[in-house]
PDB file of all heavy atoms in Angstrom:
ATOM      1  N   ASN A   1       7.027  -9.575  -2.672  1.00  0.00           N
ATOM      2  CA  ASN A   1       7.213  -8.548  -1.644  1.00  0.00           C
ATOM      3  C   ASN A   1       6.474  -7.265  -2.003  1.00  0.00           C
ATOM      4  O   ASN A   1       5.863  -6.638  -1.140  1.00  0.00           O
ATOM      5  CB  ASN A   1       8.695  -8.236  -1.455  1.00  0.00           C
ATOM      6  CG  ASN A   1       9.325  -9.059  -0.376  1.00  0.00           C
ATOM      7  OD1 ASN A   1       8.661  -9.808   0.318  1.00  0.00           O
ATOM      8  ND2 ASN A   1      10.619  -8.922  -0.218  1.00  0.00           N
ATOM      9  N   GLU A   2       6.542  -6.876  -3.269  1.00  0.00           N
ATOM     10  CA  GLU A   2       5.862  -5.662  -3.695  1.00  0.00           C
ATOM     11  C   GLU A   2       4.351  -5.803  -3.523  1.00  0.00           C
ATOM     12  O   GLU A   2       3.672  -4.879  -3.073  1.00  0.00           O
ATOM     13  CB  GLU A   2       6.207  -5.346  -5.146  1.00  0.00           C
ATOM     14  CG  GLU A   2       7.614  -4.821  -5.336  1.00  0.00           C
ATOM     15  CD  GLU A   2       7.984  -4.600  -6.781  1.00  0.00           C
ATOM     16  OE1 GLU A   2       7.099  -4.636  -7.662  1.00  0.00           O
ATOM     17  OE2 GLU A   2       9.183  -4.361  -7.043  1.00  0.00           O
ATOM     18  N   ALA A   3       3.825  -6.983  -3.860  1.00  0.00           N
ATOM     19  CA  ALA A   3       2.391  -7.223  -3.708  1.00  0.00           C
ATOM     20  C   ALA A   3       2.003  -7.179  -2.228  1.00  0.00           C
ATOM     21  O   ALA A   3       0.981  -6.588  -1.860  1.00  0.00           O
ATOM     22  CB  ALA A   3       2.014  -8.571  -4.319  1.00  0.00           C
ATOM     23  N   LYS A   4       2.812  -7.780  -1.383  1.00  0.00           N
ATOM     24  CA  LYS A   4       2.529  -7.784   0.044  1.00  0.00           C
ATOM     25  C   LYS A   4       2.644  -6.370   0.624  1.00  0.00           C
ATOM     26  O   LYS A   4       1.842  -5.978   1.468  1.00  0.00           O
ATOM     27  CB  LYS A   4       3.461  -8.742   0.789  1.00  0.00           C
ATOM     28  CG  LYS A   4       3.094 -10.181   0.533  1.00  0.00           C
ATOM     29  CD  LYS A   4       4.036 -11.142   1.223  1.00  0.00           C
ATOM     30  CE  LYS A   4       3.641 -12.573   0.875  1.00  0.00           C
ATOM     31  NZ  LYS A   4       4.539 -13.545   1.463  1.00  0.00           N
ATOM     32  N   ASP A   5       3.637  -5.612   0.173  1.00  0.00           N
ATOM     33  CA  ASP A   5       3.783  -4.231   0.629  1.00  0.00           C
ATOM     34  C   ASP A   5       2.552  -3.401   0.252  1.00  0.00           C
ATOM     35  O   ASP A   5       2.068  -2.601   1.056  1.00  0.00           O
ATOM     36  CB  ASP A   5       5.038  -3.574   0.044  1.00  0.00           C
ATOM     37  CG  ASP A   5       6.329  -4.084   0.682  1.00  0.00           C
ATOM     38  OD1 ASP A   5       6.252  -4.727   1.759  1.00  0.00           O
ATOM     39  OD2 ASP A   5       7.418  -3.837   0.104  1.00  0.00           O
ATOM     40  N   ALA A   6       2.054  -3.613  -0.951  1.00  0.00           N
ATOM     41  CA  ALA A   6       0.849  -2.902  -1.395  1.00  0.00           C
ATOM     42  C   ALA A   6      -0.345  -3.295  -0.537  1.00  0.00           C
ATOM     43  O   ALA A   6      -1.158  -2.452  -0.137  1.00  0.00           O
ATOM     44  CB  ALA A   6       0.571  -3.192  -2.876  1.00  0.00           C
ATOM     45  N   GLN A   7      -0.464  -4.578  -0.242  1.00  0.00           N
ATOM     46  CA  GLN A   7      -1.562  -5.050   0.591  1.00  0.00           C
ATOM     47  C   GLN A   7      -1.458  -4.491   2.007  1.00  0.00           C
ATOM     48  O   GLN A   7      -2.453  -4.069   2.591  1.00  0.00           O
ATOM     49  CB  GLN A   7      -1.566  -6.586   0.623  1.00  0.00           C
ATOM     50  CG  GLN A   7      -2.739  -7.175   1.368  1.00  0.00           C
ATOM     51  CD  GLN A   7      -2.715  -8.699   1.372  1.00  0.00           C
ATOM     52  OE1 GLN A   7      -1.708  -9.312   1.041  1.00  0.00           O
ATOM     53  NE2 GLN A   7      -3.812  -9.294   1.747  1.00  0.00           N
ATOM     54  N   ILE A   8      -0.265  -4.453   2.558  1.00  0.00           N
ATOM     55  CA  ILE A   8      -0.042  -3.894   3.893  1.00  0.00           C
ATOM     56  C   ILE A   8      -0.433  -2.414   3.909  1.00  0.00           C
ATOM     57  O   ILE A   8      -1.118  -1.952   4.828  1.00  0.00           O
ATOM     58  CB  ILE A   8       1.419  -4.092   4.342  1.00  0.00           C
ATOM     59  CG1 ILE A   8       1.674  -5.555   4.681  1.00  0.00           C
ATOM     60  CG2 ILE A   8       1.759  -3.197   5.536  1.00  0.00           C
ATOM     61  CD1 ILE A   8       3.129  -5.918   4.865  1.00  0.00           C
ATOM     62  N   GLN A   9      -0.017  -1.689   2.883  1.00  0.00           N
ATOM     63  CA  GLN A   9      -0.359  -0.272   2.806  1.00  0.00           C
ATOM     64  C   GLN A   9      -1.871  -0.068   2.738  1.00  0.00           C
ATOM     65  O   GLN A   9      -2.425   0.801   3.406  1.00  0.00           O
ATOM     66  CB  GLN A   9       0.321   0.387   1.597  1.00  0.00           C
ATOM     67  CG  GLN A   9       0.118   1.881   1.506  1.00  0.00           C
ATOM     68  CD  GLN A   9       0.662   2.610   2.737  1.00  0.00           C
ATOM     69  OE1 GLN A   9       1.796   2.395   3.128  1.00  0.00           O
ATOM     70  NE2 GLN A   9      -0.150   3.476   3.339  1.00  0.00           N
ATOM     71  N   LYS A  10      -2.534  -0.899   1.951  1.00  0.00           N
ATOM     72  CA  LYS A  10      -3.991  -0.812   1.841  1.00  0.00           C
ATOM     73  C   LYS A  10      -4.643  -1.061   3.205  1.00  0.00           C
ATOM     74  O   LYS A  10      -5.559  -0.332   3.613  1.00  0.00           O
ATOM     75  CB  LYS A  10      -4.496  -1.836   0.826  1.00  0.00           C
ATOM     76  CG  LYS A  10      -5.986  -1.843   0.650  1.00  0.00           C
ATOM     77  CD  LYS A  10      -6.435  -2.939  -0.316  1.00  0.00           C
ATOM     78  CE  LYS A  10      -7.936  -3.061  -0.294  1.00  0.00           C
ATOM     79  NZ  LYS A  10      -8.410  -4.244  -0.977  1.00  0.00           N
ATOM     80  N   LEU A  11      -4.168  -2.071   3.910  1.00  0.00           N
ATOM     81  CA  LEU A  11      -4.721  -2.400   5.224  1.00  0.00           C
ATOM     82  C   LEU A  11      -4.441  -1.277   6.237  1.00  0.00           C
ATOM     83  O   LEU A  11      -5.306  -0.947   7.052  1.00  0.00           O
ATOM     84  CB  LEU A  11      -4.172  -3.730   5.718  1.00  0.00           C
ATOM     85  CG  LEU A  11      -4.650  -4.967   4.951  1.00  0.00           C
ATOM     86  CD1 LEU A  11      -3.878  -6.201   5.397  1.00  0.00           C
ATOM     87  CD2 LEU A  11      -6.147  -5.174   5.097  1.00  0.00           C
ATOM     88  N   GLN A  12      -3.271  -0.690   6.161  1.00  0.00           N
ATOM     89  CA  GLN A  12      -2.945   0.423   7.053  1.00  0.00           C
ATOM     90  C   GLN A  12      -3.861   1.620   6.772  1.00  0.00           C
ATOM     91  O   GLN A  12      -4.302   2.304   7.700  1.00  0.00           O
ATOM     92  CB  GLN A  12      -1.479   0.823   6.923  1.00  0.00           C
ATOM     93  CG  GLN A  12      -0.543  -0.174   7.553  1.00  0.00           C
ATOM     94  CD  GLN A  12       0.930   0.131   7.293  1.00  0.00           C
ATOM     95  OE1 GLN A  12       1.291   0.804   6.310  1.00  0.00           O
ATOM     96  NE2 GLN A  12       1.806  -0.375   8.172  1.00  0.00           N
ATOM     97  N   ASP A  13      -4.115   1.861   5.481  1.00  0.00           N
ATOM     98  CA  ASP A  13      -5.037   2.944   5.129  1.00  0.00           C
ATOM     99  C   ASP A  13      -6.449   2.655   5.646  1.00  0.00           C
ATOM    100  O   ASP A  13      -7.127   3.570   6.147  1.00  0.00           O
ATOM    101  CB  ASP A  13      -5.077   3.138   3.603  1.00  0.00           C
ATOM    102  CG  ASP A  13      -3.758   3.685   3.046  1.00  0.00           C
ATOM    103  OD1 ASP A  13      -2.933   4.194   3.835  1.00  0.00           O
ATOM    104  OD2 ASP A  13      -3.561   3.591   1.814  1.00  0.00           O
ATOM    105  N   GLU A  14      -6.884   1.407   5.534  1.00  0.00           N
ATOM    106  CA  GLU A  14      -8.196   1.033   6.045  1.00  0.00           C
ATOM    107  C   GLU A  14      -8.283   1.224   7.561  1.00  0.00           C
ATOM    108  O   GLU A  14      -9.283   1.700   8.085  1.00  0.00           O
ATOM    109  CB  GLU A  14      -8.523  -0.420   5.673  1.00  0.00           C
ATOM    110  CG  GLU A  14      -8.853  -0.624   4.223  1.00  0.00           C
ATOM    111  CD  GLU A  14      -9.115  -2.092   3.873  1.00  0.00           C
ATOM    112  OE1 GLU A  14      -9.340  -2.913   4.797  1.00  0.00           O
ATOM    113  OE2 GLU A  14      -9.102  -2.408   2.679  1.00  0.00           O
ATOM    114  N   ILE A  15      -7.233   0.840   8.254  1.00  0.00           N
ATOM    115  CA  ILE A  15      -7.188   1.015   9.715  1.00  0.00           C
ATOM    116  C   ILE A  15      -7.273   2.498  10.070  1.00  0.00           C
ATOM    117  O   ILE A  15      -8.006   2.898  10.990  1.00  0.00           O
ATOM    118  CB  ILE A  15      -5.908   0.378  10.314  1.00  0.00           C
ATOM    119  CG1 ILE A  15      -6.000  -1.140  10.265  1.00  0.00           C
ATOM    120  CG2 ILE A  15      -5.679   0.853  11.754  1.00  0.00           C
ATOM    121  CD1 ILE A  15      -4.719  -1.867  10.619  1.00  0.00           C
ATOM    122  N   ALA A  16      -6.538   3.320   9.332  1.00  0.00           N
ATOM    123  CA  ALA A  16      -6.571   4.771   9.582  1.00  0.00           C
ATOM    124  C   ALA A  16      -7.981   5.313   9.373  1.00  0.00           C
ATOM    125  O   ALA A  16      -8.471   6.133  10.166  1.00  0.00           O
ATOM    126  CB  ALA A  16      -5.577   5.476   8.682  1.00  0.00           C
ATOM    127  N   MET A  17      -8.652   4.853   8.343  1.00  0.00           N
ATOM    128  CA  MET A  17     -10.027   5.304   8.089  1.00  0.00           C
ATOM    129  C   MET A  17     -10.967   4.838   9.194  1.00  0.00           C
ATOM    130  O   MET A  17     -11.844   5.589   9.650  1.00  0.00           O
ATOM    131  CB  MET A  17     -10.520   4.790   6.719  1.00  0.00           C
ATOM    132  CG  MET A  17      -9.825   5.420   5.525  1.00  0.00           C
ATOM    133  SD  MET A  17      -9.994   7.217   5.466  1.00  0.00           S
ATOM    134  CE  MET A  17     -11.749   7.384   5.253  1.00  0.00           C
ATOM    135  N   LYS A  18     -10.809   3.617   9.649  1.00  0.00           N
ATOM    136  CA  LYS A  18     -11.638   3.099  10.737  1.00  0.00           C
ATOM    137  C   LYS A  18     -11.388   3.896  12.016  1.00  0.00           C
ATOM    138  O   LYS A  18     -12.333   4.180  12.769  1.00  0.00           O
ATOM    139  CB  LYS A  18     -11.365   1.609  10.985  1.00  0.00           C
ATOM    140  CG  LYS A  18     -11.765   0.707   9.837  1.00  0.00           C
ATOM    141  CD  LYS A  18     -13.239   0.707   9.606  1.00  0.00           C
ATOM    142  CE  LYS A  18     -13.600  -0.205   8.471  1.00  0.00           C
ATOM    143  NZ  LYS A  18     -15.003  -0.137   8.103  1.00  0.00           N
ATOM    144  N   ASP A  19     -10.128   4.256  12.262  1.00  0.00           N
ATOM    145  CA  ASP A  19      -9.817   5.072  13.439  1.00  0.00           C
ATOM    146  C   ASP A  19     -10.517   6.421  13.363  1.00  0.00           C
ATOM    147  O   ASP A  19     -11.069   6.909  14.356  1.00  0.00           O
ATOM    148  CB  ASP A  19      -8.299   5.279  13.567  1.00  0.00           C
ATOM    149  CG  ASP A  19      -7.574   4.054  14.075  1.00  0.00           C
ATOM    150  OD1 ASP A  19      -8.241   3.134  14.604  1.00  0.00           O
ATOM    151  OD2 ASP A  19      -6.322   4.005  13.952  1.00  0.00           O
ATOM    152  N   LEU A  20     -10.530   7.028  12.170  1.00  0.00           N
ATOM    153  CA  LEU A  20     -11.238   8.302  11.994  1.00  0.00           C
ATOM    154  C   LEU A  20     -12.736   8.138  12.247  1.00  0.00           C
ATOM    155  O   LEU A  20     -13.371   8.987  12.895  1.00  0.00           O
ATOM    156  CB  LEU A  20     -11.010   8.850  10.577  1.00  0.00           C
ATOM    157  CG  LEU A  20      -9.637   9.464  10.318  1.00  0.00           C
ATOM    158  CD1 LEU A  20      -9.500   9.849   8.842  1.00  0.00           C
ATOM    159  CD2 LEU A  20      -9.413  10.678  11.189  1.00  0.00           C
ATOM    160  N   GLU A  21     -13.285   7.049  11.713  1.00  0.00           N
ATOM    161  CA  GLU A  21     -14.707   6.783  11.934  1.00  0.00           C
ATOM    162  C   GLU A  21     -15.010   6.642  13.419  1.00  0.00           C
ATOM    163  O   GLU A  21     -16.009   7.168  13.913  1.00  0.00           O
ATOM    164  CB  GLU A  21     -15.146   5.538  11.173  1.00  0.00           C
ATOM    165  CG  GLU A  21     -15.207   5.700   9.660  1.00  0.00           C
ATOM    166  CD  GLU A  21     -15.543   4.389   8.952  1.00  0.00           C
ATOM    167  OE1 GLU A  21     -16.081   3.456   9.577  1.00  0.00           O
ATOM    168  OE2 GLU A  21     -15.237   4.296   7.743  1.00  0.00           O
ATOM    169  N   LEU A  22     -14.164   5.908  14.129  1.00  0.00           N
ATOM    170  CA  LEU A  22     -14.358   5.732  15.570  1.00  0.00           C
ATOM    171  C   LEU A  22     -14.260   7.064  16.301  1.00  0.00           C
ATOM    172  O   LEU A  22     -15.062   7.332  17.207  1.00  0.00           O
ATOM    173  CB  LEU A  22     -13.320   4.752  16.129  1.00  0.00           C
ATOM    174  CG  LEU A  22     -13.552   3.273  15.824  1.00  0.00           C
ATOM    175  CD1 LEU A  22     -12.371   2.437  16.310  1.00  0.00           C
ATOM    176  CD2 LEU A  22     -14.833   2.782  16.448  1.00  0.00           C
ATOM    177  N   GLU A  23     -13.327   7.890  15.916  1.00  0.00           N
ATOM    178  CA  GLU A  23     -13.208   9.202  16.552  1.00  0.00           C
ATOM    179  C   GLU A  23     -14.464  10.038  16.318  1.00  0.00           C
ATOM    180  O   GLU A  23     -14.931  10.738  17.226  1.00  0.00           O
ATOM    181  CB  GLU A  23     -11.970   9.932  16.021  1.00  0.00           C
ATOM    182  CG  GLU A  23     -10.660   9.364  16.546  1.00  0.00           C
ATOM    183  CD  GLU A  23      -9.442  10.074  15.977  1.00  0.00           C
ATOM    184  OE1 GLU A  23      -9.557  11.244  15.551  1.00  0.00           O
ATOM    185  OE2 GLU A  23      -8.368   9.446  15.956  1.00  0.00           O
ATOM    186  N   GLU A  24     -15.005   9.971  15.108  1.00  0.00           N
ATOM    187  CA  GLU A  24     -16.241  10.702  14.796  1.00  0.00           C
ATOM    188  C   GLU A  24     -17.406  10.187  15.637  1.00  0.00           C
ATOM    189  O   GLU A  24     -18.209  10.966  16.170  1.00  0.00           O
ATOM    190  CB  GLU A  24     -16.573  10.599  13.316  1.00  0.00           C
ATOM    191  CG  GLU A  24     -15.630  11.386  12.424  1.00  0.00           C
ATOM    192  CD  GLU A  24     -15.902  11.156  10.938  1.00  0.00           C
ATOM    193  OE1 GLU A  24     -16.849  10.422  10.587  1.00  0.00           O
ATOM    194  OE2 GLU A  24     -15.143  11.706  10.131  1.00  0.00           O
ATOM    195  N   ILE A  25     -17.496   8.873  15.790  1.00  0.00           N
ATOM    196  CA  ILE A  25     -18.571   8.273  16.600  1.00  0.00           C
ATOM    197  C   ILE A  25     -18.420   8.691  18.066  1.00  0.00           C
ATOM    198  O   ILE A  25     -19.398   9.060  18.725  1.00  0.00           O
ATOM    199  CB  ILE A  25     -18.568   6.731  16.456  1.00  0.00           C
ATOM    200  CG1 ILE A  25     -18.992   6.342  15.034  1.00  0.00           C
ATOM    201  CG2 ILE A  25     -19.458   6.089  17.500  1.00  0.00           C
ATOM    202  CD1 ILE A  25     -18.812   4.878  14.713  1.00  0.00           C
TER     203      ILE A  25
END
């Protein structure tokens, strides 16, 4: 569960970064 939680957090961070990139574009 801890490993999956860490992976989920990483993916959520990546999504947030992609959203920022899209907003900049």
